Amino acid sequence: MANENAPENVEFNIELPDELEAGVPAEFASLWHTPTSFVIDFVVTKNPPSVKERPNGERVQQVSAKVVSRIRIPPEQVFELAKALTQQLSAWESENGKQSQE
């Protein structure tokens, strides 16, 4: 049973540890899910791409990469994250001009 005297709004006081303040550079992200969570792997390349030849003669470009941060969030939070990303992207485009989508 909900507390009738509880305020409707919630305000978080979020602390950022000093060692995380600078952030971690990432060149791309990979998104996947399990039945109970969505996972975002932020990835950075380790070396320049190289060309590899498979046994069937097909040549492929191979990129060595490393996950620098893995974030797990519950499915309920994915909608809030998508909304926040959209809002921040709109604000960024307003400040910097629209960027082409590739």
Protein backbone atom coordinates (compact mmCIF):
# COMPACT_ATOMS: atom_id res chain seq x y z
CA MET A 1 0.00 0.00 0.00
CA ALA A 2 1.42 3.38 -1.01
CA ASN A 3 2.08 5.97 1.66
CA GLU A 4 -0.49 8.74 1.16
CA ASN A 5 1.85 11.31 2.76
CA ALA A 6 4.77 10.51 0.42
CA PRO A 7 5.65 13.29 -2.05
CA GLU A 8 4.82 12.64 -5.71
CA ASN A 9 8.21 13.72 -7.08
CA VAL A 10 11.54 12.05 -6.41
CA GLU A 11 14.82 13.94 -6.53
CA PHE A 12 18.11 12.02 -6.71
CA ASN A 13 21.37 13.35 -5.28
CA ILE A 14 23.84 11.49 -7.48
CA GLU A 15 27.53 11.47 -6.60
CA LEU A 16 30.21 10.88 -9.22
CA PRO A 17 33.42 9.36 -7.86
CA ASP A 18 36.47 11.50 -8.67
CA GLU A 19 38.10 8.67 -10.64
CA LEU A 20 35.11 8.56 -13.04
CA GLU A 21 34.79 12.31 -13.61
CA ALA A 22 36.90 12.38 -16.78
CA GLY A 23 34.90 9.56 -18.36
CA VAL A 24 36.16 6.79 -20.61
CA PRO A 25 36.55 7.34 -24.37
CA ALA A 26 34.58 4.90 -26.54
CA GLU A 27 34.31 4.75 -30.31
CA PHE A 28 31.08 2.79 -30.51
CA ALA A 29 28.56 0.88 -28.45
CA SER A 30 27.02 -2.55 -28.77
CA LEU A 31 23.55 -3.14 -27.36
CA TRP A 32 22.08 -6.53 -26.45
CA HIS A 33 19.61 -7.94 -23.94
CA THR A 34 18.83 -10.84 -21.64
CA PRO A 35 15.39 -11.66 -20.25
CA THR A 36 16.04 -9.40 -17.26
CA SER A 37 18.32 -6.60 -18.48
CA PHE A 38 19.57 -4.55 -21.40
CA VAL A 39 23.34 -4.38 -21.76
CA ILE A 40 25.33 -1.59 -23.39
CA ASP A 41 28.98 -2.35 -24.09
CA PHE A 42 31.06 0.75 -24.82
CA VAL A 43 33.96 -0.25 -27.06
CA VAL A 44 37.28 1.21 -28.21
CA THR A 45 39.45 -0.13 -31.02
CA LYS A 46 42.85 -1.45 -29.99
CA ASN A 47 44.78 -1.39 -33.27
CA PRO A 48 44.31 -0.14 -36.82
CA PRO A 49 42.17 -2.49 -38.95
CA SER A 50 43.99 -5.28 -40.76
CA VAL A 51 43.00 -7.45 -43.71
CA LYS A 52 42.56 -11.16 -43.02
CA GLU A 53 42.05 -13.89 -45.57
CA ARG A 54 39.68 -16.69 -44.64
CA PRO A 55 40.30 -20.30 -45.73
CA ASN A 56 37.71 -19.89 -48.51
CA GLY A 57 39.76 -17.01 -49.97
CA GLU A 58 37.38 -14.28 -48.79
CA ARG A 59 39.20 -11.18 -47.56
CA VAL A 60 37.74 -9.41 -44.53
CA GLN A 61 38.78 -6.34 -42.61
CA GLN A 62 39.42 -7.29 -39.01
CA VAL A 63 39.22 -4.77 -36.17
CA SER A 64 40.53 -5.61 -32.69
CA ALA A 65 38.43 -3.92 -30.04
CA LYS A 66 37.98 -3.93 -26.28
CA VAL A 67 34.97 -3.24 -24.06
CA VAL A 68 35.88 -0.34 -21.78
CA SER A 69 32.59 -0.25 -19.90
CA ARG A 70 29.55 -2.52 -19.63
CA ILE A 71 26.31 -1.06 -18.32
CA ARG A 72 23.30 -3.21 -17.38
CA ILE A 73 19.89 -1.60 -16.93
CA PRO A 74 16.46 -3.10 -16.25
CA PRO A 75 14.03 -3.19 -19.20
CA GLU A 76 11.82 -0.58 -17.53
CA GLN A 77 14.64 1.97 -17.72
CA VAL A 78 15.26 1.52 -21.47
CA PHE A 79 12.32 3.79 -22.31
CA GLU A 80 13.63 6.51 -20.00
CA LEU A 81 17.12 6.16 -21.48
CA ALA A 82 15.78 6.42 -25.05
CA LYS A 83 13.76 9.51 -24.10
CA ALA A 84 16.77 11.15 -22.41
CA LEU A 85 19.05 10.38 -25.38
CA THR A 86 16.51 11.89 -27.79
CA GLN A 87 16.18 15.03 -25.66
CA GLN A 88 19.94 15.46 -25.35
CA LEU A 89 20.48 14.84 -29.07
CA SER A 90 17.88 17.50 -29.91
CA ALA A 91 19.55 19.97 -27.55
CA TRP A 92 22.97 19.17 -29.03
CA GLU A 93 21.67 19.65 -32.59
CA SER A 94 20.14 22.99 -31.59
CA GLU A 95 23.48 24.12 -30.16
CA ASN A 96 25.75 22.70 -32.88
CA GLY A 97 23.60 22.44 -35.98
CA LYS A 98 22.06 19.28 -37.35
CA GLN A 99 24.54 16.60 -38.27
CA SER A 100 24.10 14.24 -41.20
CA GLN A 101 23.07 10.72 -40.30
CA GLU A 102 25.24 8.11 -41.95
